[in-house]
Structures are given as structure tokens and as C-alpha cells.
Amino acid sequence: MKVKSIRYMPASLLIIALVGLTACGSGGNTPANHEPGSKHTSSNTEKPANTDDKKNTSLSYWSELGASPSRTLQTYNDALLYQELEKRTGVHINFEHPAVGSEKEQFNLLIASGKYPDMIEYNFISYPGGPEKALADGVIIELNDVIDQHAPNLKKYLDEHPEMKKQISTDSGKMYVFPSIGIGNHGVSGGLVVREDWMKELGISEPKTIDDWTNMLRAFKEKKSATAPLTLTLGNLNLQQFNGAFGVGTDFYMDNGIVKYGPVEPGYKQYLQLLNEWYAEGLLDPDFSTQDGAALDAKVVNGKAGAFFAYIGSGIGKYLPALQEKNPGYNLAGVQFPVLNAADEPHFITTSYEFRGEGSVGITTANKHVEETAKWLDYFFTEEGHILKSFGVEGVTFNDVSGYPTYSDLILKNPDGLSVSDAMNKYLRVATPSVGFVGDDRYSEQYYVYEQQKSASVTFSKYQQNAYQTRLPLISHTPEEANELATIMAEVNTYREEMFLKFVMGAEPIEKFDAYVEQLKKMKIDRVIEMKQAAVERYAKR
């Protein structure tokens, strides 16, 4: 969905909404509406509400801080975004953050305590039993009437995008969060990266088919002495990469409305056979099953690998400057997801859902200021709220350049030596999902410093729409289904992972694939497929 497709309520209605939001303070001038991508109105028309004569509303908000933001912040209260938001709305937020690294345990303790803050930022799809169970447990409240009455900007968006409304609703039709919604045309953040300088030297064109890949990896091994022509971690292989060429996913996927489990399909046997051949020939890194990210980094940096999986920001953005300093000719290129035939398009791509899940906010049953909370959250679905969250304060973190919000040197050339990512985390909430809109193209166009990053972003995302045909929708399971599914999949995953390594590394011949499939069926994988199919059909009826 292009950012220009977003529409907001008329300015007169927005004024009414913001007057209600600042009920604890007298209203000042309120922001006018703009379409994302349009010329940003000067700050003179965005005066914060005057709240000097009355006490501000104070709300508590539980949220992960995360490893990256914690490098520059102790709490989101220190972020410019929320400080400015308090000036505009008259609402003070008391953030509560679990310790970095223990978020899951702290969330479980929070739920068990029964003492909830006013808001919880969490992916309730992963709540035990799903969002319906979180509602039934009395953790969060149903939001249908709340959004209808107190969140006009979000309501208008959902009316215009009914598929998003389905995604943030339970099977019984109950909306449960203020969502984090992906926008923009660059939803794929990582993919396969190759040594472009080696390819140029060897006269190799960009690989498209599996045969192209095999020939390229052989050339890297034989002519560049690469000891790990293709280096990956085991986790990388859980993403959609070479498997897609054989028409199967690495997990559950959709095939013309039918749920299938990739690891039992005939195409998966072909995929395993390819990896086995590459492994035996020395084209696939022999350490793929045990190495971590640091070991992979070392092989890339030391010129032992010619192809690997990398994220655009933390991968390409890390390798290029470090290696070009030593070798000015060093170059990388992101390449398209492999296919079997040159005329094919990739359909299995790891890309984000429009509804992010992470970063979305539920209002708890302990909240005594539901109306004020809803209006505060709804501000993120206005153009002003989106600009504030993604770009910050005009004249401080960005400047309007011919209608384009351009990050200032405080972000791009931070005087304290912060990286672009760390500076963004210190002042904004743009690099990770949070309530409102995420993934604005104008952010990614500036975040990626190198042309190789920008090119990779275009390449990786070129066919992202195809992924919508093969990935499962954001389904929910009943509590009973969830318990049964967890029991079955614990055994299935252990066996599948064990056999994956044996097939790839040659400990088991590929001829035993049929016996492996039969064993998965004995473990009731068909029952899981049945439950997934039922959940997909319930989703379609929302």
C-alpha cells in the first residue's frame, strides 16, 4: 500500500477529536490534516494545546524498550517524540519497560499479577490462546465501540481498508488493538547478497535461476578460492530463499486457498536434494549448521564467502564501509529470490504483514480513562502524528524540503557520534513497529546511506505482492486448538529439524524422504494442517 493512499478525516472533525483529547486542558490551535507525502505544514499551524490551566491526564504504558533503543534511552519518556506529544495533547505517559532480554518472562509475570497498566504494547497474536483468550482473561478490552466513538482517524482508515479491520479482529469480530500498520513499497528488509566485484571480474551476470546459482558458486570456489561460496546460518534457512524455486514454503503456506506444510511436499524433496548436492560439492558452507552470526561475519569480511543472506541495514550497511576502506574495489549487490526457470517470478518471500502485530497497543481492563487513551492513540493515525513519530519535530530532527520531510544533521550526522539508527531510536519511533504507520518510503530512502542498499531494497521488494498469495493470513486458533497444536508441533519441529540436517549433510539418503513424510503423518501433521485450514476459513468469514 502506497503511503499516498492514506486519507484522513476533514480538518473540522480532527479539531473536534483533538479538543476531546485535551479535555484536561483548554484547546489551542490544532493541526490541520495532510496526506502523507504531501507538503508538510509549517510548525506555525501545529501549536500544541494549552494545558497550563488544568492538570494533565496521566496514563501508564507497558512496552518493550529493546536492545537498540536501550543504547540511547533509559525510557521512552526521554524520547523527543513523546515529550513533544505531551505538549500537543496534554497527556503524560508513564512508561514501564521490562529488562532487555527478559521481556517474555516479564510479560508473563505481568499477566499473572493481574495488576495491569493502562496500555500494553504487545503482539497479542502470540498470547497463549490468542487475542480472544486475552479478552476472555480480562487483560484487554474489546475496542469496537471505542474506535467507533473515540478514534475517528483509525475508524476512517479501517472503513477504507476492510482487510486491515479483519486482521485486527478476532474470529468473533472483536477488535482488540490499536495497530501498527505497514505502509510503503519496501516491505522486504533482507535477502541474498553476492560479491558484485567478483561477479564483474568473472563476467557473471546476476543469478536468477537455480542453475545460475550453481554455476556462480562453482566459479567463486574454483576461481576465487572461496572456502564457503554460500555461507548461511541454520536460522537463515528458515527464511524463504531457495525453497521457493521448487514451489514450496519452509513452513505452512497457501496454495490456491489450501493450507499446505512445505516440509512434506514433493518440492521440498527437490530442495533438500539441491542443498545436499551443494554441501557435498563444497558450495554450501560446511559450518552452516553450527555457526552463529559472528562466524558468518568473519567469512564475509575475510573474503571466504561470495554469497550470503544479509539485511539491508545491519548487513550491507555494515560490510560495505568496513571492507571498502581496505579494498576500494569491494562491492556487494542484493539479488532476486531464486526461481527454477528464467521466466518465473518468486512467490515465496519473507516480508512483513501490513498488520505488524508487534508495536500494537491494547487498552487494559484496569484503564479508567478509556476515552482519553483512545484519542491519544488515534493521534498516531493523523498525518501530524505520523510525521512526529517517523520524522520528529520540524527544525530539530527534520526540515521540510519542497514538501519532503528531510532528516536533519541531528539524525544523519549526529554531533555526538551516534549512528543514524541510534539517533533515530533516541528521538523517534521509526525503525521498529509501533502504533500508527510504519515503513514510510521517505524514511527508508534516507535511512539507507549507500546506493547498494537502496538498490537492494528495490530488488528484494519487487515481488513482495506475490508473497500475499502464498503466506497464511493472520489467523487465530481457539484455545483448544492452540493447546493441541503446540503439543503436536513440538514433536514435529524437533524431528523435522533433525532430518533436515541429516538429509542436507548426507547422514540420511534422500531416498528416505517418503519414510520421513510418513513419520510426520504419524506425528499428526495432517491434524495441524486441518486446524490451520479451519482457522483460515474462519478468518475469511470475519
Protein backbone atom coordinates (compact mmCIF):
# COMPACT_ATOMS: atom_id res chain seq x y z
CA MET A 1 0.00 0.00 0.00
CA LYS A 2 1.49 3.26 -1.05
CA VAL A 3 1.70 5.95 1.57
CA LYS A 4 -0.19 8.34 -0.69
CA SER A 5 -3.24 6.13 -0.47
CA ILE A 6 -3.87 7.11 3.16
CA ARG A 7 -6.71 9.53 3.70
CA TYR A 8 -7.68 11.30 6.87
CA MET A 9 -10.75 12.95 8.30
CA PRO A 10 -11.66 16.54 7.42
CA ALA A 11 -9.83 19.19 9.43
CA SER A 12 -13.03 20.25 11.17
CA LEU A 13 -13.55 16.75 12.56
CA LEU A 14 -9.92 16.47 13.58
CA ILE A 15 -10.28 19.67 15.57
CA ILE A 16 -13.25 18.16 17.40
CA ALA A 17 -11.24 15.00 18.09
CA LEU A 18 -8.27 16.89 19.48
CA VAL A 19 -10.44 19.13 21.63
CA GLY A 20 -11.81 15.96 23.20
CA LEU A 21 -8.31 14.60 23.59
CA THR A 22 -7.21 17.66 25.53
CA ALA A 23 -10.30 17.70 27.76
CA CYS A 24 -7.98 18.09 30.72
CA GLY A 25 -6.70 21.35 29.27
CA SER A 26 -8.17 24.19 27.25
CA GLY A 27 -7.88 23.81 23.49
CA GLY A 28 -5.34 25.74 21.49
CA ASN A 29 -4.76 25.79 17.76
CA THR A 30 -4.96 22.25 16.37
CA PRO A 31 -3.08 20.71 13.46
CA ALA A 32 -4.62 20.65 10.03
CA ASN A 33 -4.85 17.41 8.05
CA HIS A 34 -2.41 16.42 5.33
CA GLU A 35 -1.98 13.36 3.19
CA PRO A 36 1.28 11.51 3.84
CA GLY A 37 3.67 12.52 1.13
CA SER A 38 2.10 15.95 0.74
CA LYS A 39 3.81 19.18 1.74
CA HIS A 40 4.16 19.33 5.48
CA THR A 41 2.52 22.38 7.00
CA SER A 42 4.85 24.65 8.90
CA SER A 43 5.01 24.38 12.66
CA ASN A 44 3.08 27.65 12.95
CA THR A 45 -0.12 25.73 12.26
CA GLU A 46 0.73 22.95 14.72
CA LYS A 47 0.67 24.71 18.05
CA PRO A 48 0.27 22.32 20.97
CA ALA A 49 -2.84 22.52 23.08
CA ASN A 50 -2.63 24.89 26.02
CA THR A 51 -2.82 22.76 29.16
CA ASP A 52 -1.42 25.20 31.71
CA ASP A 53 -4.73 25.85 33.45
CA LYS A 54 -5.64 22.22 34.21
CA LYS A 55 -3.84 19.09 35.29
CA ASN A 56 -2.73 16.76 32.50
CA THR A 57 -4.08 13.25 32.13
CA SER A 58 -1.51 10.64 33.13
CA LEU A 59 -1.52 7.13 31.65
CA SER A 60 0.70 4.09 32.22
CA TYR A 61 2.10 2.21 29.23
CA TRP A 62 3.93 -1.17 29.30
CA SER A 63 6.29 -1.61 26.37
CA GLU A 64 9.48 -3.39 25.47
CA LEU A 65 12.34 -0.96 25.03
CA GLY A 66 14.51 -3.32 23.04
CA ALA A 67 18.26 -3.69 22.68
CA SER A 68 18.74 -0.99 20.06
CA PRO A 69 16.77 1.86 21.70
CA SER A 70 18.26 0.96 25.10
CA ARG A 71 21.67 2.06 23.78
CA THR A 72 20.49 5.68 23.81
CA LEU A 73 17.44 5.69 26.09
CA GLN A 74 16.62 4.52 29.59
CA THR A 75 12.92 5.00 28.93
CA TYR A 76 10.73 6.25 26.08
CA ASN A 77 9.90 9.19 28.37
CA ASP A 78 13.31 10.53 27.33
CA ALA A 79 12.46 10.42 23.62
CA LEU A 80 11.73 13.71 21.86
CA LEU A 81 8.69 12.11 20.23
CA TYR A 82 6.82 11.56 23.50
CA GLN A 83 7.93 14.83 25.04
CA GLU A 84 6.54 16.74 22.06
CA LEU A 85 3.41 14.58 22.04
CA GLU A 86 2.68 15.54 25.65
CA LYS A 87 2.88 19.22 24.69
CA ARG A 88 0.41 18.69 21.86
CA THR A 89 -2.09 16.50 23.68
CA GLY A 90 -1.83 17.29 27.38
CA VAL A 91 -1.42 13.57 28.12
CA HIS A 92 1.57 12.36 30.14
CA ILE A 93 2.76 8.79 29.66
CA ASN A 94 4.50 6.79 32.38
CA PHE A 95 6.39 4.08 30.54
CA GLU A 96 7.09 0.73 32.14
CA HIS A 97 9.82 -1.32 30.43
CA PRO A 98 10.84 -4.91 31.16
CA ALA A 99 14.56 -5.61 31.35
CA VAL A 100 16.12 -6.16 27.93
CA GLY A 101 16.41 -9.88 27.32
CA SER A 102 13.69 -10.90 29.77
CA GLU A 103 10.67 -9.39 28.01
CA LYS A 104 8.73 -12.65 27.63
CA GLU A 105 9.20 -13.65 31.25
CA GLN A 106 8.28 -10.17 32.47
CA PHE A 107 5.15 -10.15 30.31
CA ASN A 108 4.07 -13.48 31.77
CA LEU A 109 4.63 -12.15 35.29
CA LEU A 110 2.64 -9.02 34.45
CA ILE A 111 -0.31 -11.09 33.24
CA ALA A 112 -0.12 -13.42 36.23
CA SER A 113 -0.12 -10.49 38.66
CA GLY A 114 -3.49 -9.20 37.47
CA LYS A 115 -2.20 -5.65 38.01
CA TYR A 116 -2.19 -4.06 34.60
CA PRO A 117 -1.08 -0.65 33.31
CA ASP A 118 -3.49 1.42 31.20
CA MET A 119 -1.93 0.21 27.93
CA ILE A 120 0.10 -2.81 26.89
CA GLU A 121 2.17 -2.80 23.70
CA TYR A 122 2.39 -6.42 22.67
CA ASN A 123 1.77 -8.84 19.82
CA PHE A 124 -1.40 -10.41 21.19
CA ILE A 125 -1.44 -12.91 18.33
CA SER A 126 1.25 -14.71 20.33
CA TYR A 127 -0.75 -14.54 23.59
CA PRO A 128 -1.46 -18.12 24.79
CA GLY A 129 -4.81 -18.91 23.22
CA GLY A 130 -4.64 -15.82 21.02
CA PRO A 131 -6.34 -12.40 21.26
CA GLU A 132 -9.74 -13.97 22.04
CA LYS A 133 -8.21 -15.52 25.16
CA ALA A 134 -6.62 -12.21 26.18
CA LEU A 135 -10.09 -10.66 26.03
CA ALA A 136 -11.69 -13.58 27.89
CA ASP A 137 -8.96 -13.45 30.55
CA GLY A 138 -9.85 -9.83 31.27
CA VAL A 139 -6.46 -8.48 30.26
CA ILE A 140 -7.58 -6.15 27.45
CA ILE A 141 -10.93 -4.73 26.37
CA GLU A 142 -12.87 -5.03 23.13
CA LEU A 143 -12.35 -1.91 21.04
CA ASN A 144 -15.20 -1.92 18.50
CA ASP A 145 -17.25 0.77 20.24
CA VAL A 146 -14.15 2.57 21.50
CA ILE A 147 -12.74 3.00 17.99
CA ASP A 148 -16.16 3.85 16.59
CA GLN A 149 -16.75 6.61 19.14
CA HIS A 150 -13.32 7.95 20.08
CA ALA A 151 -10.84 7.13 17.27
CA PRO A 152 -12.21 8.79 14.12
CA ASN A 153 -8.89 8.69 12.23
CA LEU A 154 -8.33 4.98 12.75
CA LYS A 155 -12.01 4.27 12.11
CA LYS A 156 -11.87 6.05 8.78
CA TYR A 157 -8.76 4.14 7.78
CA LEU A 158 -10.33 0.80 8.72
CA ASP A 159 -13.51 1.65 6.82
CA GLU A 160 -11.38 2.27 3.74
CA HIS A 161 -9.21 -0.82 4.33
CA PRO A 162 -11.55 -3.62 5.47
CA GLU A 163 -8.79 -6.23 5.18
CA MET A 164 -6.89 -4.45 7.96
CA LYS A 165 -10.02 -4.49 10.09
CA LYS A 166 -10.14 -8.28 9.63
CA GLN A 167 -6.52 -8.56 10.68
CA ILE A 168 -7.01 -6.74 13.98
CA SER A 169 -10.25 -8.58 14.81
CA THR A 170 -10.83 -11.97 16.40
CA ASP A 171 -12.85 -14.64 14.63
CA SER A 172 -15.89 -13.41 16.57
CA GLY A 173 -15.40 -9.89 15.17
CA LYS A 174 -13.89 -8.17 18.21
CA MET A 175 -11.18 -5.58 17.56
CA TYR A 176 -8.57 -5.74 20.27
CA VAL A 177 -5.65 -3.36 19.49
CA PHE A 178 -4.70 -0.03 18.04
CA PRO A 179 -2.48 -1.44 15.29
CA SER A 180 0.97 -0.89 13.93
CA ILE A 181 0.30 -0.72 10.17
CA GLY A 182 2.90 -1.22 7.47
CA ILE A 183 2.87 1.20 4.56
CA GLY A 184 5.25 1.92 1.70
CA ASN A 185 6.69 -0.20 -1.07
CA HIS A 186 9.78 -1.62 0.63
CA GLY A 187 8.48 -4.31 2.97
CA VAL A 188 11.35 -6.76 2.48
CA SER A 189 14.33 -5.88 4.64
CA GLY A 190 16.73 -8.68 3.79
CA GLY A 191 17.68 -11.19 1.13
CA LEU A 192 20.51 -12.88 -0.73
CA VAL A 193 23.61 -10.75 -1.28
CA VAL A 194 26.57 -11.51 -3.55
CA ARG A 195 30.09 -10.20 -4.14
CA GLU A 196 29.34 -7.96 -7.10
CA ASP A 197 33.03 -7.23 -7.64
CA TRP A 198 33.74 -10.95 -8.03
CA MET A 199 30.87 -11.35 -10.48
CA LYS A 200 32.13 -8.45 -12.56
CA GLU A 201 35.66 -9.80 -12.56
CA LEU A 202 34.47 -13.27 -13.63
CA GLY A 203 31.96 -11.98 -16.18
CA ILE A 204 28.97 -13.45 -14.33
CA SER A 205 25.51 -11.95 -14.73
CA GLU A 206 23.09 -11.59 -11.81
CA PRO A 207 21.90 -15.10 -10.87
CA LYS A 208 18.19 -15.73 -11.36
CA THR A 209 17.71 -19.50 -11.63
CA ILE A 210 18.99 -22.35 -9.51
CA ASP A 211 21.33 -23.31 -12.35
CA ASP A 212 22.69 -19.74 -12.38
CA TRP A 213 23.37 -20.05 -8.67
CA THR A 214 25.15 -23.37 -9.03
CA ASN A 215 27.42 -22.03 -11.76
CA MET A 216 28.17 -18.84 -9.85
CA LEU A 217 29.05 -20.68 -6.63
CA ARG A 218 31.34 -23.04 -8.53
CA ALA A 219 33.13 -20.06 -10.06
CA PHE A 220 33.56 -18.50 -6.61
CA LYS A 221 35.06 -21.74 -5.30
CA GLU A 222 37.31 -22.53 -8.23
CA LYS A 223 38.44 -19.07 -9.34
CA LYS A 224 38.25 -17.00 -6.12
CA SER A 225 39.28 -19.76 -3.70
CA ALA A 226 36.18 -19.24 -1.61
CA THR A 227 36.03 -21.89 1.12
CA ALA A 228 32.37 -21.07 1.79
CA PRO A 229 30.98 -19.86 -1.55
CA LEU A 230 27.49 -19.66 0.01
CA THR A 231 27.56 -19.09 3.74
CA LEU A 232 24.40 -19.18 5.86
CA THR A 233 23.35 -19.85 9.40
CA LEU A 234 20.76 -22.53 10.15
CA GLY A 235 18.35 -19.72 11.05
CA ASN A 236 18.79 -18.18 7.58
CA LEU A 237 17.46 -21.39 6.06
CA ASN A 238 14.19 -20.98 7.94
CA LEU A 239 13.53 -17.92 5.78
CA GLN A 240 12.07 -18.15 2.29
CA GLN A 241 15.03 -18.42 -0.08
CA PHE A 242 15.97 -21.31 -2.37
CA ASN A 243 12.92 -23.39 -1.40
CA GLY A 244 10.64 -21.06 -3.32
CA ALA A 245 12.15 -22.14 -6.62
CA PHE A 246 10.55 -25.54 -6.05
CA GLY A 247 7.12 -24.12 -5.23
CA VAL A 248 7.09 -24.85 -1.51
CA GLY A 249 7.41 -22.87 1.71
CA THR A 250 9.68 -23.69 4.61
CA ASP A 251 6.62 -23.95 6.87
CA PHE A 252 2.83 -23.69 6.36
CA TYR A 253 1.75 -21.84 3.23
CA MET A 254 -1.25 -21.28 0.97
CA ASP A 255 -1.75 -22.94 -2.42
CA ASN A 256 -4.89 -21.57 -4.10
CA GLY A 257 -6.77 -21.36 -0.81
CA ILE A 258 -5.49 -24.69 0.55
CA VAL A 259 -3.13 -24.86 3.52
CA LYS A 260 -0.05 -26.99 2.94
CA TYR A 261 3.02 -27.84 5.01
CA GLY A 262 6.14 -27.36 2.91
CA PRO A 263 8.40 -30.00 4.53
CA VAL A 264 6.10 -32.87 3.43
CA GLU A 265 5.59 -31.72 -0.17
CA PRO A 266 7.42 -33.24 -3.19
CA GLY A 267 9.05 -29.89 -3.99
CA TYR A 268 10.72 -29.94 -0.58
CA LYS A 269 12.46 -33.18 -1.53
CA GLN A 270 13.95 -31.39 -4.56
CA TYR A 271 15.00 -28.51 -2.31
CA LEU A 272 16.76 -30.86 0.11
CA GLN A 273 18.47 -32.63 -2.77
CA LEU A 274 19.83 -29.30 -4.05
CA LEU A 275 21.24 -28.35 -0.64
CA ASN A 276 22.75 -31.83 -0.29
CA GLU A 277 24.48 -31.53 -3.67
CA TRP A 278 25.80 -28.07 -2.83
CA TYR A 279 27.02 -29.30 0.56
CA ALA A 280 28.76 -32.34 -0.93
CA GLU A 281 30.43 -30.19 -3.61
CA GLY A 282 31.66 -27.63 -1.11
CA LEU A 283 29.42 -24.85 -2.41
CA LEU A 284 27.37 -24.58 0.81
CA ASP A 285 29.35 -23.62 3.89
CA PRO A 286 30.18 -26.83 5.82
CA ASP A 287 29.67 -24.90 9.06
CA PHE A 288 26.12 -23.73 8.25
CA SER A 289 24.53 -25.94 10.93
CA THR A 290 26.59 -24.63 13.84
CA GLN A 291 27.94 -21.18 13.04
CA ASP A 292 26.50 -18.01 14.51
CA GLY A 293 26.28 -14.50 13.08
CA ALA A 294 29.78 -13.59 14.22
CA ALA A 295 31.30 -16.56 12.42
CA LEU A 296 29.39 -15.68 9.26
CA ASP A 297 30.58 -12.07 9.52
CA ALA A 298 34.18 -13.24 9.72
CA LYS A 299 33.87 -15.25 6.49
CA VAL A 300 32.32 -12.31 4.67
CA VAL A 301 34.97 -9.90 5.95
CA ASN A 302 37.87 -12.27 5.22
CA GLY A 303 36.77 -12.96 1.65
CA LYS A 304 35.94 -16.61 2.28
CA ALA A 305 32.33 -16.24 1.08
CA GLY A 306 30.85 -14.90 -2.12
CA ALA A 307 27.14 -15.11 -1.31
CA PHE A 308 25.15 -14.93 1.92
CA PHE A 309 21.92 -13.73 3.48
CA ALA A 310 22.01 -10.19 4.86
CA TYR A 311 19.70 -7.46 5.99
CA ILE A 312 19.97 -4.20 4.10
CA GLY A 313 20.70 -2.04 7.12
CA SER A 314 22.65 -4.20 9.55
CA GLY A 315 24.31 -6.35 6.87
CA ILE A 316 25.10 -4.42 3.71
CA GLY A 317 25.38 -1.22 5.74
CA LYS A 318 27.95 -2.88 7.99
CA TYR A 319 30.08 -4.74 5.44
CA LEU A 320 30.45 -2.07 2.75
CA PRO A 321 32.17 0.71 4.70
CA ALA A 322 34.36 -1.68 6.66
CA LEU A 323 35.64 -3.55 3.61
CA GLN A 324 35.80 -0.74 1.08
CA GLU A 325 38.20 1.03 3.43
CA LYS A 326 40.62 -1.87 2.96
CA ASN A 327 39.67 -2.70 -0.60
CA PRO A 328 38.12 0.18 -2.60
CA GLY A 329 37.01 -2.29 -5.28
CA TYR A 330 34.93 -4.35 -2.85
CA ASN A 331 31.25 -4.29 -3.76
CA LEU A 332 28.00 -6.04 -2.89
CA ALA A 333 24.66 -6.44 -4.65
CA GLY A 334 21.31 -7.70 -3.48
CA VAL A 335 19.90 -10.23 -5.94
CA GLN A 336 16.42 -11.54 -6.66
CA PHE A 337 14.92 -14.55 -4.88
CA PRO A 338 15.87 -17.63 -6.96
CA VAL A 339 13.46 -19.34 -9.38
CA LEU A 340 13.62 -22.57 -11.37
CA ASN A 341 13.05 -21.06 -14.82
CA ALA A 342 14.20 -17.65 -16.01
CA ALA A 343 10.65 -16.55 -16.86
CA ASP A 344 9.31 -17.40 -13.39
CA GLU A 345 8.58 -14.87 -10.65
CA PRO A 346 9.35 -15.62 -6.99
CA HIS A 347 6.29 -16.19 -4.79
CA PHE A 348 7.88 -17.26 -1.51
CA ILE A 349 9.35 -14.15 0.11
CA THR A 350 9.83 -13.28 3.76
CA THR A 351 8.01 -9.98 4.05
CA SER A 352 6.12 -8.18 6.78
CA TYR A 353 2.36 -8.28 7.12
CA GLU A 354 0.59 -4.94 6.84
CA PHE A 355 -0.59 -5.51 10.42
CA ARG A 356 2.69 -5.79 12.24
CA GLY A 357 1.38 -7.31 15.48
CA GLU A 358 4.47 -6.10 17.30
CA GLY A 359 4.12 -2.49 18.33
CA SER A 360 0.32 -2.63 18.52
CA VAL A 361 -1.38 -1.46 21.69
CA GLY A 362 -4.22 -2.92 23.72
CA ILE A 363 -6.20 -0.97 26.32
CA THR A 364 -6.42 -2.94 29.56
CA THR A 365 -9.36 -3.59 31.84
CA ALA A 366 -7.60 -1.51 34.51
CA ASN A 367 -7.81 1.66 32.39
CA LYS A 368 -10.14 4.29 33.88
CA HIS A 369 -9.52 6.80 31.08
CA VAL A 370 -10.50 4.77 28.02
CA GLU A 371 -11.80 7.73 26.04
CA GLU A 372 -8.68 9.83 26.62
CA THR A 373 -6.46 6.84 25.87
CA ALA A 374 -8.24 6.11 22.60
CA LYS A 375 -7.95 9.71 21.46
CA TRP A 376 -4.28 9.80 22.38
CA LEU A 377 -3.60 6.62 20.39
CA ASP A 378 -5.73 7.88 17.50
CA TYR A 379 -3.40 10.86 17.10
CA PHE A 380 -0.82 8.49 15.58
CA PHE A 381 -3.23 7.88 12.69
CA THR A 382 -3.29 11.56 11.72
CA GLU A 383 -0.70 12.99 9.37
CA GLU A 384 0.73 15.12 12.20
CA GLY A 385 1.08 12.09 14.44
CA HIS A 386 2.68 10.07 11.68
CA ILE A 387 5.17 12.83 10.88
CA LEU A 388 6.01 13.27 14.58
CA LYS A 389 6.60 9.54 15.09
CA SER A 390 8.58 8.99 11.91
CA PHE A 391 10.41 12.28 11.40
CA GLY A 392 10.09 14.19 14.67
CA VAL A 393 9.90 17.96 15.16
CA GLU A 394 10.43 20.28 12.22
CA GLY A 395 13.56 22.37 12.61
CA VAL A 396 15.01 19.89 15.09
CA THR A 397 15.09 16.38 13.62
CA PHE A 398 13.83 17.19 10.13
CA ASN A 399 13.32 20.04 7.70
CA ASP A 400 10.67 20.46 5.04
CA VAL A 401 12.44 20.46 1.67
CA SER A 402 9.89 21.09 -1.08
CA GLY A 403 7.29 19.04 0.76
CA TYR A 404 9.67 16.21 1.62
CA PRO A 405 10.47 15.66 5.34
CA THR A 406 14.26 15.53 5.24
CA TYR A 407 16.15 14.35 8.30
CA SER A 408 18.45 16.96 9.82
CA ASP A 409 22.10 16.51 10.76
CA LEU A 410 20.94 15.64 14.28
CA ILE A 411 19.85 12.33 12.74
CA LEU A 412 22.09 11.83 9.71
CA LYS A 413 25.32 13.37 11.07
CA ASN A 414 24.76 13.29 14.80
CA PRO A 415 27.11 15.66 16.66
CA ASP A 416 27.50 13.11 19.46
CA GLY A 417 28.70 10.47 17.03
CA LEU A 418 25.55 8.37 17.12
CA SER A 419 24.86 6.17 14.11
CA VAL A 420 21.79 7.02 12.04
CA SER A 421 19.97 4.08 13.60
CA ASP A 422 20.86 5.06 17.17
CA ALA A 423 19.94 8.70 16.56
CA MET A 424 16.56 7.66 15.17
CA ASN A 425 15.97 5.44 18.20
CA LYS A 426 16.86 8.29 20.54
CA TYR A 427 14.43 10.82 19.11
CA LEU A 428 11.78 8.89 17.13
CA ARG A 429 9.99 5.54 16.80
CA VAL A 430 10.52 4.83 13.13
CA ALA A 431 12.98 1.95 12.92
CA THR A 432 10.75 -0.62 14.65
CA PRO A 433 6.97 -1.23 14.67
CA SER A 434 4.87 0.96 16.94
CA VAL A 435 1.26 2.10 16.97
CA GLY A 436 0.35 4.06 13.85
CA PHE A 437 2.02 3.75 10.45
CA VAL A 438 5.44 2.20 9.93
CA GLY A 439 7.65 1.78 6.85
CA ASP A 440 7.20 5.17 5.21
CA ASP A 441 9.23 5.13 1.98
CA ARG A 442 10.57 8.59 2.84
CA TYR A 443 12.20 7.07 5.92
CA SER A 444 13.80 4.13 4.14
CA GLU A 445 15.03 6.35 1.29
CA GLN A 446 17.08 8.31 3.82
CA TYR A 447 17.98 5.53 6.23
CA TYR A 448 19.83 3.62 3.54
CA VAL A 449 23.00 5.62 3.01
CA TYR A 450 24.62 3.61 0.21
CA GLU A 451 23.34 3.18 -3.31
CA GLN A 452 23.88 -0.57 -2.95
CA GLN A 453 21.40 -0.56 -0.06
CA LYS A 454 18.81 1.41 -2.00
CA SER A 455 19.19 -0.88 -4.98
CA ALA A 456 18.87 -3.99 -2.80
CA SER A 457 15.71 -2.59 -1.21
CA VAL A 458 14.11 -2.21 -4.65
CA THR A 459 15.25 -5.67 -5.75
CA PHE A 460 14.12 -7.51 -2.62
CA SER A 461 10.70 -5.84 -2.58
CA LYS A 462 9.98 -6.03 -6.33
CA TYR A 463 7.76 -9.10 -5.97
CA GLN A 464 6.56 -8.64 -2.39
CA GLN A 465 2.94 -8.63 -3.57
CA ASN A 466 3.43 -12.22 -4.76
CA ALA A 467 4.08 -13.29 -1.18
CA TYR A 468 0.49 -12.40 -0.28
CA GLN A 469 -0.66 -15.32 -2.47
CA THR A 470 1.36 -17.93 -0.59
CA ARG A 471 1.56 -16.83 3.03
CA LEU A 472 -1.15 -17.62 5.55
CA PRO A 473 -3.33 -14.73 6.68
CA LEU A 474 -3.03 -13.65 10.31
CA ILE A 475 -5.20 -16.44 11.64
CA SER A 476 -6.16 -17.15 15.24
CA HIS A 477 -6.64 -20.52 16.87
CA THR A 478 -9.15 -21.35 19.57
CA PRO A 479 -7.58 -22.07 22.98
CA GLU A 480 -8.30 -25.77 22.45
CA GLU A 481 -6.68 -25.74 19.02
CA ALA A 482 -3.70 -23.80 20.34
CA ASN A 483 -3.00 -26.37 23.05
CA GLU A 484 -3.32 -29.31 20.66
CA LEU A 485 -1.23 -27.58 18.01
CA ALA A 486 1.56 -26.73 20.47
CA THR A 487 1.79 -30.35 21.60
CA ILE A 488 1.94 -31.76 18.08
CA MET A 489 4.32 -29.16 16.64
CA ALA A 490 6.83 -29.51 19.48
CA GLU A 491 7.45 -33.09 18.34
CA VAL A 492 7.13 -32.29 14.62
CA ASN A 493 9.63 -29.43 14.72
CA THR A 494 12.22 -31.44 16.61
CA TYR A 495 12.01 -34.32 14.13
CA ARG A 496 11.89 -32.09 11.05
CA GLU A 497 14.97 -30.10 12.13
CA GLU A 498 16.88 -33.29 12.87
CA MET A 499 16.02 -34.83 9.48
CA PHE A 500 16.70 -31.57 7.62
CA LEU A 501 20.33 -31.67 8.77
CA LYS A 502 20.67 -35.37 8.05
CA PHE A 503 19.35 -35.02 4.50
CA VAL A 504 21.46 -31.95 3.70
CA MET A 505 24.67 -33.29 5.22
CA GLY A 506 24.22 -36.78 3.78
CA ALA A 507 23.70 -38.70 7.02
CA GLU A 508 20.39 -39.91 5.55
CA PRO A 509 19.93 -40.58 1.82
CA ILE A 510 17.27 -38.51 0.09
CA GLU A 511 15.58 -41.81 -0.87
CA LYS A 512 14.28 -41.96 2.71
CA PHE A 513 12.23 -38.78 2.20
CA ASP A 514 8.98 -40.74 1.83
CA ALA A 515 9.60 -42.56 5.11
CA TYR A 516 10.28 -39.19 6.75
CA VAL A 517 6.95 -37.87 5.45
CA GLU A 518 5.13 -40.93 6.80
CA GLN A 519 6.69 -40.36 10.21
CA LEU A 520 5.46 -36.75 10.22
CA LYS A 521 1.99 -38.00 9.38
CA LYS A 522 2.17 -40.39 12.33
CA MET A 523 3.03 -37.35 14.44
CA LYS A 524 -0.32 -35.87 13.27
CA ILE A 525 0.94 -33.16 10.93
CA ASP A 526 -2.28 -33.65 8.93
CA ARG A 527 -4.27 -32.72 12.02
CA VAL A 528 -2.31 -29.46 12.29
CA ILE A 529 -2.97 -28.72 8.61
CA GLU A 530 -6.67 -29.34 9.28
CA MET A 531 -6.67 -26.87 12.18
CA LYS A 532 -4.81 -24.27 10.09
CA GLN A 533 -7.34 -24.68 7.28
CA ALA A 534 -10.24 -24.23 9.69
CA ALA A 535 -8.62 -21.08 11.07
CA VAL A 536 -8.14 -19.70 7.54
CA GLU A 537 -11.82 -20.32 6.77
CA ARG A 538 -12.87 -18.57 9.99
CA TYR A 539 -10.63 -15.65 9.08
CA ALA A 540 -12.33 -15.35 5.69
CA LYS A 541 -15.69 -15.01 7.43
CA ARG A 542 -14.65 -12.23 9.80
